[in-house]
Amino acid sequence: MKKLVKWSKANWLVWAVALAYIVVAVTRPSAAGKGALLGLQTFGELAATLVTVFVIVGLFQVWVSEEFVMKHLGESSGLKGLAIGAGLGTIIHGPLVGVFPLLKALLAKGARTGVVVAIVSTWAIKLPMIPLELRLFGWRFTLLREGLLFLSAFIMAPLMELILGKDWGTRFRDTIEQE
């Protein structure tokens, strides 16, 4: 019973959604049916994505050493680490929910906070979509948008490190080890 209470407190949003669904099911059964079908479809699509992400994260954890991450993406990586992170963010494809487990694995292996921020910041740049964006909006809009997104990584990363503090990554890794 204590585990259920603890889980419920940590996942209160699940209960809120369940309650909202019950209210809709009672007041508008047809809408609830459509919502349930859409929810199952979305869950199926997300499950496939998450399985793929977990396999990639598992392979990353086995194949990429802490020494490699610390050297190229760690606290002493400087601007080079941020540039690598920003570059990774531009080539990572798929939903952001799939990127978060990879970022957690990077942090666990010693990547600095700024690198993770750079990856998330530049994730919005989709290299395969640039030709379409060029056709629809023109080169000036596209280059400006992509350039600002890329540059924002180099502004946000140091700001996040400053606000969170230099030891945030270490504290984060410590909480992962306790899990």
N, C-alpha and C. Protein backbone atom coordinates (compact mmCIF):
# COMPACT_ATOMS: atom_id res chain seq x y z
N MET A 1 0.82 -1.20 0.00
CA MET A 1 0.00 0.00 0.00
C MET A 1 0.87 1.26 0.00
N LYS A 2 1.98 1.21 0.77
CA LYS A 2 2.87 2.37 0.83
C LYS A 2 3.49 2.67 -0.53
N LYS A 3 3.80 1.59 -1.28
CA LYS A 3 4.38 1.78 -2.61
C LYS A 3 3.38 2.46 -3.54
N LEU A 4 2.10 2.08 -3.44
CA LEU A 4 1.06 2.69 -4.26
C LEU A 4 0.91 4.17 -3.93
N VAL A 5 0.94 4.50 -2.64
CA VAL A 5 0.82 5.90 -2.23
C VAL A 5 2.01 6.70 -2.74
N LYS A 6 3.20 6.14 -2.62
CA LYS A 6 4.41 6.82 -3.09
C LYS A 6 4.35 7.01 -4.62
N TRP A 7 3.95 5.96 -5.32
CA TRP A 7 3.83 6.04 -6.78
C TRP A 7 2.78 7.07 -7.16
N SER A 8 1.66 7.08 -6.45
CA SER A 8 0.57 8.02 -6.75
C SER A 8 1.00 9.46 -6.57
N LYS A 9 1.78 9.73 -5.54
CA LYS A 9 2.27 11.09 -5.33
C LYS A 9 3.22 11.51 -6.44
N ALA A 10 4.07 10.59 -6.87
CA ALA A 10 5.03 10.91 -7.92
C ALA A 10 4.35 11.02 -9.29
N ASN A 11 3.23 10.34 -9.47
CA ASN A 11 2.54 10.29 -10.76
C ASN A 11 1.11 10.80 -10.65
N TRP A 12 0.92 11.88 -9.95
CA TRP A 12 -0.41 12.43 -9.72
C TRP A 12 -1.13 12.79 -11.01
N LEU A 13 -0.36 13.12 -12.04
CA LEU A 13 -0.96 13.51 -13.31
C LEU A 13 -1.72 12.34 -13.94
N VAL A 14 -1.26 11.12 -13.73
CA VAL A 14 -1.96 9.94 -14.24
C VAL A 14 -3.36 9.89 -13.65
N TRP A 15 -3.46 10.13 -12.34
CA TRP A 15 -4.77 10.10 -11.67
C TRP A 15 -5.66 11.25 -12.16
N ALA A 16 -5.08 12.40 -12.39
CA ALA A 16 -5.86 13.54 -12.87
C ALA A 16 -6.42 13.26 -14.26
N VAL A 17 -5.62 12.66 -15.13
CA VAL A 17 -6.07 12.32 -16.47
C VAL A 17 -7.16 11.24 -16.40
N ALA A 18 -6.96 10.25 -15.56
CA ALA A 18 -7.96 9.19 -15.40
C ALA A 18 -9.29 9.78 -14.93
N LEU A 19 -9.23 10.68 -13.98
CA LEU A 19 -10.45 11.32 -13.48
C LEU A 19 -11.13 12.13 -14.58
N ALA A 20 -10.35 12.89 -15.34
CA ALA A 20 -10.91 13.67 -16.44
C ALA A 20 -11.55 12.75 -17.48
N TYR A 21 -10.91 11.62 -17.75
CA TYR A 21 -11.47 10.67 -18.72
C TYR A 21 -12.79 10.09 -18.21
N ILE A 22 -12.88 9.78 -16.94
CA ILE A 22 -14.12 9.25 -16.37
C ILE A 22 -15.24 10.28 -16.50
N VAL A 23 -14.92 11.55 -16.22
CA VAL A 23 -15.92 12.61 -16.35
C VAL A 23 -16.41 12.70 -17.80
N VAL A 24 -15.48 12.66 -18.76
CA VAL A 24 -15.86 12.72 -20.17
C VAL A 24 -16.66 11.48 -20.56
N ALA A 25 -16.26 10.31 -20.06
CA ALA A 25 -16.97 9.07 -20.40
C ALA A 25 -18.41 9.10 -19.91
N VAL A 26 -18.65 9.72 -18.75
CA VAL A 26 -20.00 9.81 -18.20
C VAL A 26 -20.81 10.86 -18.95
N THR A 27 -20.20 12.00 -19.24
CA THR A 27 -20.96 13.11 -19.85
C THR A 27 -21.05 13.01 -21.36
N ARG A 28 -20.01 12.48 -22.03
CA ARG A 28 -20.00 12.38 -23.50
C ARG A 28 -19.35 11.07 -23.92
N PRO A 29 -20.08 9.97 -23.85
CA PRO A 29 -19.51 8.65 -24.13
C PRO A 29 -18.88 8.52 -25.52
N SER A 30 -19.49 9.13 -26.54
CA SER A 30 -18.92 8.99 -27.89
C SER A 30 -17.56 9.69 -27.99
N ALA A 31 -17.44 10.84 -27.36
CA ALA A 31 -16.16 11.56 -27.36
C ALA A 31 -15.11 10.76 -26.58
N ALA A 32 -15.53 10.12 -25.50
CA ALA A 32 -14.61 9.31 -24.71
C ALA A 32 -14.10 8.13 -25.53
N GLY A 33 -14.98 7.52 -26.32
CA GLY A 33 -14.57 6.41 -27.19
C GLY A 33 -13.56 6.84 -28.22
N LYS A 34 -13.80 7.98 -28.86
CA LYS A 34 -12.86 8.51 -29.83
C LYS A 34 -11.53 8.84 -29.16
N GLY A 35 -11.63 9.42 -27.95
CA GLY A 35 -10.41 9.76 -27.21
C GLY A 35 -9.61 8.52 -26.83
N ALA A 36 -10.30 7.46 -26.43
CA ALA A 36 -9.61 6.22 -26.07
C ALA A 36 -8.91 5.61 -27.27
N LEU A 37 -9.58 5.62 -28.43
CA LEU A 37 -8.98 5.08 -29.65
C LEU A 37 -7.75 5.89 -30.06
N LEU A 38 -7.87 7.21 -30.03
CA LEU A 38 -6.73 8.07 -30.35
C LEU A 38 -5.58 7.87 -29.36
N GLY A 39 -5.93 7.73 -28.09
CA GLY A 39 -4.92 7.48 -27.07
C GLY A 39 -4.17 6.18 -27.30
N LEU A 40 -4.89 5.12 -27.68
CA LEU A 40 -4.25 3.83 -27.96
C LEU A 40 -3.35 3.91 -29.19
N GLN A 41 -3.81 4.62 -30.22
CA GLN A 41 -2.97 4.79 -31.41
C GLN A 41 -1.68 5.55 -31.08
N THR A 42 -1.84 6.61 -30.32
CA THR A 42 -0.67 7.41 -29.93
C THR A 42 0.28 6.59 -29.07
N PHE A 43 -0.29 5.81 -28.15
CA PHE A 43 0.55 4.95 -27.30
C PHE A 43 1.33 3.95 -28.14
N GLY A 44 0.67 3.37 -29.15
CA GLY A 44 1.35 2.42 -30.02
C GLY A 44 2.51 3.06 -30.77
N GLU A 45 2.29 4.25 -31.30
CA GLU A 45 3.36 4.96 -32.01
C GLU A 45 4.50 5.32 -31.06
N LEU A 46 4.15 5.80 -29.88
CA LEU A 46 5.16 6.19 -28.91
C LEU A 46 5.92 4.99 -28.39
N ALA A 47 5.23 3.87 -28.19
CA ALA A 47 5.90 2.67 -27.69
C ALA A 47 6.98 2.21 -28.67
N ALA A 48 6.67 2.24 -29.96
CA ALA A 48 7.66 1.85 -30.97
C ALA A 48 8.87 2.78 -30.92
N THR A 49 8.62 4.07 -30.77
CA THR A 49 9.71 5.04 -30.69
C THR A 49 10.55 4.79 -29.44
N LEU A 50 9.89 4.60 -28.32
CA LEU A 50 10.62 4.42 -27.06
C LEU A 50 11.44 3.13 -27.04
N VAL A 51 10.92 2.06 -27.62
CA VAL A 51 11.70 0.82 -27.68
C VAL A 51 12.97 1.06 -28.49
N THR A 52 12.84 1.74 -29.61
CA THR A 52 14.01 2.06 -30.42
C THR A 52 15.00 2.92 -29.65
N VAL A 53 14.48 3.91 -28.94
CA VAL A 53 15.35 4.80 -28.16
C VAL A 53 16.07 4.01 -27.07
N PHE A 54 15.36 3.15 -26.38
CA PHE A 54 16.00 2.39 -25.30
C PHE A 54 17.08 1.46 -25.83
N VAL A 55 16.88 0.89 -27.02
CA VAL A 55 17.92 0.06 -27.62
C VAL A 55 19.14 0.93 -27.94
N ILE A 56 18.91 2.09 -28.53
CA ILE A 56 20.03 2.99 -28.86
C ILE A 56 20.75 3.44 -27.60
N VAL A 57 20.00 3.80 -26.56
CA VAL A 57 20.62 4.23 -25.30
C VAL A 57 21.41 3.07 -24.69
N GLY A 58 20.86 1.87 -24.74
CA GLY A 58 21.58 0.70 -24.23
C GLY A 58 22.88 0.48 -24.97
N LEU A 59 22.84 0.56 -26.28
CA LEU A 59 24.06 0.42 -27.07
C LEU A 59 25.05 1.53 -26.76
N PHE A 60 24.54 2.75 -26.60
CA PHE A 60 25.40 3.88 -26.24
C PHE A 60 26.10 3.61 -24.91
N GLN A 61 25.36 3.11 -23.94
CA GLN A 61 25.94 2.88 -22.62
C GLN A 61 27.01 1.79 -22.65
N VAL A 62 26.86 0.82 -23.56
CA VAL A 62 27.84 -0.26 -23.66
C VAL A 62 29.03 0.14 -24.52
N TRP A 63 28.78 0.82 -25.63
CA TRP A 63 29.84 1.09 -26.60
C TRP A 63 30.63 2.36 -26.34
N VAL A 64 30.05 3.35 -25.68
CA VAL A 64 30.74 4.63 -25.49
C VAL A 64 31.25 4.70 -24.05
N SER A 65 32.54 4.88 -23.91
CA SER A 65 33.14 4.89 -22.57
C SER A 65 32.98 6.24 -21.88
N GLU A 66 33.05 6.19 -20.56
CA GLU A 66 33.00 7.44 -19.79
C GLU A 66 34.17 8.33 -20.14
N GLU A 67 35.33 7.73 -20.36
CA GLU A 67 36.52 8.50 -20.70
C GLU A 67 36.31 9.29 -21.98
N PHE A 68 35.69 8.66 -22.98
CA PHE A 68 35.43 9.34 -24.25
C PHE A 68 34.48 10.52 -24.04
N VAL A 69 33.40 10.29 -23.29
CA VAL A 69 32.43 11.36 -23.03
C VAL A 69 33.09 12.48 -22.25
N MET A 70 33.84 12.14 -21.20
CA MET A 70 34.49 13.16 -20.37
C MET A 70 35.48 13.98 -21.19
N LYS A 71 36.22 13.32 -22.07
CA LYS A 71 37.23 14.02 -22.87
C LYS A 71 36.59 14.99 -23.88
N HIS A 72 35.55 14.53 -24.58
CA HIS A 72 34.99 15.33 -25.66
C HIS A 72 33.76 16.15 -25.28
N LEU A 73 33.06 15.74 -24.21
CA LEU A 73 31.83 16.44 -23.83
C LEU A 73 31.78 16.82 -22.36
N GLY A 74 32.85 16.56 -21.64
CA GLY A 74 32.87 16.80 -20.19
C GLY A 74 33.19 18.24 -19.82
N GLU A 75 33.40 18.44 -18.53
CA GLU A 75 33.61 19.79 -17.98
C GLU A 75 34.76 20.54 -18.64
N SER A 76 35.80 19.83 -19.07
CA SER A 76 36.96 20.52 -19.65
C SER A 76 36.89 20.59 -21.18
N SER A 77 35.75 20.25 -21.77
CA SER A 77 35.64 20.22 -23.23
C SER A 77 35.53 21.62 -23.84
N GLY A 78 35.14 22.60 -23.03
CA GLY A 78 35.08 23.99 -23.50
C GLY A 78 34.14 24.20 -24.66
N LEU A 79 34.53 25.12 -25.54
CA LEU A 79 33.72 25.47 -26.70
C LEU A 79 33.59 24.29 -27.66
N LYS A 80 34.63 23.47 -27.73
CA LYS A 80 34.59 22.28 -28.59
C LYS A 80 33.45 21.36 -28.17
N GLY A 81 33.27 21.15 -26.89
CA GLY A 81 32.19 20.30 -26.40
C GLY A 81 30.82 20.85 -26.75
N LEU A 82 30.68 22.18 -26.60
CA LEU A 82 29.40 22.80 -26.97
C LEU A 82 29.14 22.67 -28.47
N ALA A 83 30.19 22.83 -29.28
CA ALA A 83 30.04 22.70 -30.73
C ALA A 83 29.65 21.27 -31.11
N ILE A 84 30.26 20.29 -30.47
CA ILE A 84 29.90 18.89 -30.74
C ILE A 84 28.45 18.66 -30.33
N GLY A 85 28.07 19.17 -29.16
CA GLY A 85 26.68 19.03 -28.71
C GLY A 85 25.70 19.69 -29.67
N ALA A 86 26.02 20.90 -30.11
CA ALA A 86 25.15 21.61 -31.05
C ALA A 86 25.07 20.85 -32.37
N GLY A 87 26.18 20.30 -32.81
CA GLY A 87 26.17 19.49 -34.03
C GLY A 87 25.33 18.23 -33.88
N LEU A 88 25.47 17.56 -32.73
CA LEU A 88 24.65 16.37 -32.47
C LEU A 88 23.17 16.71 -32.48
N GLY A 89 22.83 17.83 -31.88
CA GLY A 89 21.43 18.24 -31.83
C GLY A 89 20.82 18.43 -33.20
N THR A 90 21.63 18.91 -34.16
CA THR A 90 21.10 19.14 -35.50
C THR A 90 20.88 17.85 -36.28
N ILE A 91 21.62 16.80 -35.94
CA ILE A 91 21.47 15.56 -36.71
C ILE A 91 20.54 14.55 -36.03
N ILE A 92 20.25 14.74 -34.75
CA ILE A 92 19.32 13.82 -34.07
C ILE A 92 17.93 14.06 -34.63
N HIS A 93 17.29 12.97 -34.98
CA HIS A 93 15.97 13.06 -35.61
C HIS A 93 14.97 12.30 -34.75
N GLY A 94 13.73 12.70 -34.81
CA GLY A 94 12.68 12.01 -34.07
C GLY A 94 12.11 12.90 -32.98
N PRO A 95 11.17 12.34 -32.23
CA PRO A 95 10.52 13.15 -31.19
C PRO A 95 11.46 13.44 -30.03
N LEU A 96 11.27 14.58 -29.42
CA LEU A 96 12.13 14.99 -28.31
C LEU A 96 12.05 14.01 -27.15
N VAL A 97 10.90 13.37 -26.96
CA VAL A 97 10.76 12.40 -25.87
C VAL A 97 11.77 11.27 -26.03
N GLY A 98 12.18 11.02 -27.26
CA GLY A 98 13.19 10.00 -27.49
C GLY A 98 14.60 10.47 -27.22
N VAL A 99 14.80 11.77 -27.19
CA VAL A 99 16.14 12.32 -26.98
C VAL A 99 16.48 12.36 -25.48
N PHE A 100 15.50 12.57 -24.63
CA PHE A 100 15.76 12.73 -23.21
C PHE A 100 16.49 11.55 -22.56
N PRO A 101 16.12 10.29 -22.84
CA PRO A 101 16.89 9.19 -22.25
C PRO A 101 18.36 9.19 -22.68
N LEU A 102 18.61 9.57 -23.93
CA LEU A 102 19.99 9.66 -24.41
C LEU A 102 20.75 10.76 -23.66
N LEU A 103 20.09 11.89 -23.43
CA LEU A 103 20.72 12.99 -22.71
C LEU A 103 21.02 12.59 -21.26
N LYS A 104 20.11 11.85 -20.66
CA LYS A 104 20.35 11.36 -19.29
C LYS A 104 21.57 10.44 -19.27
N ALA A 105 21.68 9.57 -20.28
CA ALA A 105 22.83 8.67 -20.37
C ALA A 105 24.12 9.47 -20.57
N LEU A 106 24.07 10.52 -21.38
CA LEU A 106 25.25 11.38 -21.56
C LEU A 106 25.67 12.02 -20.24
N LEU A 107 24.69 12.55 -19.51
CA LEU A 107 24.99 13.17 -18.21
C LEU A 107 25.57 12.14 -17.25
N ALA A 108 25.02 10.94 -17.26
CA ALA A 108 25.51 9.89 -16.36
C ALA A 108 26.95 9.52 -16.66
N LYS A 109 27.37 9.66 -17.92
CA LYS A 109 28.74 9.32 -18.30
C LYS A 109 29.69 10.50 -18.17
N GLY A 110 29.19 11.65 -17.71
CA GLY A 110 30.09 12.76 -17.44
C GLY A 110 30.00 13.94 -18.37
N ALA A 111 29.02 13.97 -19.27
CA ALA A 111 28.87 15.14 -20.14
C ALA A 111 28.49 16.34 -19.29
N ARG A 112 28.94 17.49 -19.70
CA ARG A 112 28.61 18.70 -18.94
C ARG A 112 27.20 19.18 -19.29
N THR A 113 26.64 19.94 -18.39
CA THR A 113 25.28 20.43 -18.53
C THR A 113 25.11 21.22 -19.83
N GLY A 114 26.07 22.06 -20.15
CA GLY A 114 25.98 22.90 -21.34
C GLY A 114 25.87 22.10 -22.63
N VAL A 115 26.53 20.96 -22.68
CA VAL A 115 26.46 20.11 -23.87
C VAL A 115 25.04 19.59 -24.06
N VAL A 116 24.43 19.17 -22.96
CA VAL A 116 23.05 18.67 -23.03
C VAL A 116 22.11 19.80 -23.45
N VAL A 117 22.31 20.98 -22.93
CA VAL A 117 21.49 22.14 -23.31
C VAL A 117 21.69 22.45 -24.79
N ALA A 118 22.92 22.37 -25.26
CA ALA A 118 23.20 22.64 -26.68
C ALA A 118 22.48 21.62 -27.57
N ILE A 119 22.46 20.37 -27.16
CA ILE A 119 21.77 19.35 -27.95
C ILE A 119 20.28 19.64 -28.02
N VAL A 120 19.68 19.93 -26.87
CA VAL A 120 18.24 20.21 -26.84
C VAL A 120 17.93 21.48 -27.62
N SER A 121 18.79 22.47 -27.53
CA SER A 121 18.55 23.75 -28.21
C SER A 121 18.59 23.61 -29.72
N THR A 122 19.50 22.80 -30.22
CA THR A 122 19.63 22.67 -31.67
C THR A 122 18.82 21.51 -32.23
N TRP A 123 18.17 20.76 -31.38
CA TRP A 123 17.33 19.65 -31.84
C TRP A 123 16.24 20.15 -32.79
N ALA A 124 15.81 21.39 -32.61
CA ALA A 124 14.75 21.96 -33.46
C ALA A 124 15.21 22.16 -34.90
N ILE A 125 16.51 22.12 -35.14
CA ILE A 125 17.03 22.21 -36.51
C ILE A 125 16.95 20.81 -37.10
N LYS A 126 16.19 20.67 -38.13
CA LYS A 126 16.03 19.36 -38.77
C LYS A 126 16.69 19.42 -40.14
N LEU A 127 17.87 18.84 -40.25
CA LEU A 127 18.59 18.88 -41.52
C LEU A 127 17.77 18.35 -42.69
N PRO A 128 17.05 17.22 -42.55
CA PRO A 128 16.27 16.75 -43.70
C PRO A 128 15.14 17.69 -44.12
N MET A 129 14.73 18.57 -43.22
CA MET A 129 13.62 19.48 -43.52
C MET A 129 14.08 20.80 -44.13
N ILE A 130 15.37 21.07 -44.13
CA ILE A 130 15.87 22.35 -44.63
C ILE A 130 15.51 22.58 -46.11
N PRO A 131 15.63 21.57 -47.00
CA PRO A 131 15.22 21.83 -48.39
C PRO A 131 13.74 22.23 -48.51
N LEU A 132 12.88 21.60 -47.73
CA LEU A 132 11.46 21.97 -47.76
C LEU A 132 11.27 23.39 -47.24
N GLU A 133 11.95 23.70 -46.14
CA GLU A 133 11.84 25.05 -45.57
C GLU A 133 12.36 26.10 -46.56
N LEU A 134 13.44 25.78 -47.25
CA LEU A 134 13.97 26.70 -48.27
C LEU A 134 12.94 26.96 -49.36
N ARG A 135 12.28 25.90 -49.83
CA ARG A 135 11.27 26.07 -50.89
C ARG A 135 10.07 26.87 -50.40
N LEU A 136 9.66 26.64 -49.16
CA LEU A 136 8.46 27.29 -48.65
C LEU A 136 8.70 28.73 -48.20
N PHE A 137 9.85 28.97 -47.57
CA PHE A 137 10.07 30.27 -46.94
C PHE A 137 11.23 31.07 -47.54
N GLY A 138 12.04 30.45 -48.35
CA GLY A 138 13.17 31.15 -48.95
C GLY A 138 14.44 31.00 -48.12
N TRP A 139 15.56 31.31 -48.76
CA TRP A 139 16.86 31.11 -48.12
C TRP A 139 17.09 32.07 -46.96
N ARG A 140 16.62 33.31 -47.08
CA ARG A 140 16.89 34.30 -46.02
C ARG A 140 16.23 33.88 -44.70
N PHE A 141 14.94 33.54 -44.76
CA PHE A 141 14.21 33.11 -43.57
C PHE A 141 14.85 31.85 -42.98
N THR A 142 15.10 30.87 -43.85
CA THR A 142 15.63 29.59 -43.40
C THR A 142 16.99 29.75 -42.75
N LEU A 143 17.90 30.43 -43.40
CA LEU A 143 19.24 30.60 -42.83
C LEU A 143 19.20 31.39 -41.52
N LEU A 144 18.36 32.40 -41.47
CA LEU A 144 18.25 33.20 -40.25
C LEU A 144 17.69 32.36 -39.10
N ARG A 145 16.62 31.61 -39.38
CA ARG A 145 16.01 30.79 -38.33
C ARG A 145 16.98 29.71 -37.84
N GLU A 146 17.57 28.99 -38.78
CA GLU A 146 18.51 27.92 -38.42
C GLU A 146 19.74 28.50 -37.70
N GLY A 147 20.24 29.62 -38.20
CA GLY A 147 21.40 30.25 -37.57
C GLY A 147 21.12 30.72 -36.15
N LEU A 148 19.95 31.34 -35.95
CA LEU A 148 19.59 31.79 -34.60
C LEU A 148 19.40 30.62 -33.65
N LEU A 149 18.79 29.55 -34.15
CA LEU A 149 18.64 28.35 -33.31
C LEU A 149 20.01 27.81 -32.90
N PHE A 150 20.92 27.74 -33.87
CA PHE A 150 22.25 27.22 -33.59
C PHE A 150 22.99 28.12 -32.60
N LEU A 151 22.94 29.44 -32.83
CA LEU A 151 23.62 30.37 -31.94
C LEU A 151 23.00 30.37 -30.53
N SER A 152 21.70 30.15 -30.45
CA SER A 152 21.05 30.16 -29.15
C SER A 152 21.63 29.09 -28.22
N ALA A 153 22.11 28.00 -28.81
CA ALA A 153 22.72 26.95 -27.99
C ALA A 153 23.94 27.47 -27.24
N PHE A 154 24.71 28.34 -27.91
CA PHE A 154 25.94 28.87 -27.31
C PHE A 154 25.65 29.99 -26.31
N ILE A 155 24.43 30.48 -26.31
CA ILE A 155 24.02 31.46 -25.31
C ILE A 155 23.37 30.76 -24.12
N MET A 156 22.46 29.83 -24.42
CA MET A 156 21.73 29.14 -23.34
C MET A 156 22.61 28.20 -22.53
N ALA A 157 23.54 27.52 -23.18
CA ALA A 157 24.36 26.53 -22.47
C ALA A 157 25.14 27.17 -21.32
N PRO A 158 25.92 28.24 -21.55
CA PRO A 158 26.63 28.85 -20.43
C PRO A 158 25.68 29.46 -19.39
N LEU A 159 24.55 30.00 -19.85
CA LEU A 159 23.58 30.56 -18.90
C LEU A 159 23.02 29.48 -17.98
N MET A 160 22.68 28.34 -18.56
CA MET A 160 22.16 27.23 -17.74
C MET A 160 23.22 26.76 -16.75
N GLU A 161 24.46 26.65 -17.21
CA GLU A 161 25.54 26.24 -16.30
C GLU A 161 25.74 27.26 -15.20
N LEU A 162 25.63 28.54 -15.53
CA LEU A 162 25.78 29.59 -14.52
C LEU A 162 24.64 29.53 -13.50
N ILE A 163 23.42 29.39 -13.99
CA ILE A 163 22.25 29.39 -13.10
C ILE A 163 22.19 28.12 -12.26
N LEU A 164 22.45 26.96 -12.88
CA LEU A 164 22.37 25.70 -12.15
C LEU A 164 23.59 25.48 -11.25
N GLY A 165 24.71 26.08 -11.61
CA GLY A 165 25.94 25.91 -10.84
C GLY A 165 26.82 24.84 -11.46
N LYS A 166 28.11 24.97 -11.29
CA LYS A 166 29.08 24.05 -11.89
C LYS A 166 28.91 22.62 -11.38
N ASP A 167 28.41 22.46 -10.17
CA ASP A 167 28.32 21.12 -9.59
C ASP A 167 26.99 20.42 -9.88
N TRP A 168 26.12 21.03 -10.70
CA TRP A 168 24.82 20.42 -10.97
C TRP A 168 24.97 19.04 -11.60
N GLY A 169 25.86 18.91 -12.57
CA GLY A 169 26.07 17.61 -13.23
C GLY A 169 26.50 16.54 -12.25
N THR A 170 27.39 16.89 -11.34
CA THR A 170 27.84 15.94 -10.33
C THR A 170 26.69 15.53 -9.42
N ARG A 171 25.90 16.51 -8.99
CA ARG A 171 24.74 16.19 -8.14
C ARG A 171 23.74 15.33 -8.89
N PHE A 172 23.54 15.61 -10.16
CA PHE A 172 22.63 14.82 -10.98
C PHE A 172 23.12 13.37 -11.08
N ARG A 173 24.41 13.21 -11.35
CA ARG A 173 24.98 11.85 -11.44
C ARG A 173 24.83 11.10 -10.12
N ASP A 174 25.00 11.80 -9.02
CA ASP A 174 24.84 11.17 -7.71
C ASP A 174 23.41 10.68 -7.50
N THR A 175 22.41 11.43 -7.96
CA THR A 175 21.02 10.99 -7.80
C THR A 175 20.73 9.80 -8.70
N ILE A 176 21.37 9.72 -9.87
CA ILE A 176 21.19 8.58 -10.75
C ILE A 176 21.74 7.31 -10.09
N GLU A 177 22.92 7.44 -9.46
CA GLU A 177 23.53 6.28 -8.82
C GLU A 177 22.69 5.77 -7.65
N GLN A 178 21.95 6.66 -6.99
CA GLN A 178 21.13 6.25 -5.85
C GLN A 178 19.86 5.53 -6.27
N GLU A 179 19.45 5.69 -7.55
CA GLU A 179 18.20 5.07 -8.02
C GLU A 179 18.29 3.59 -8.07
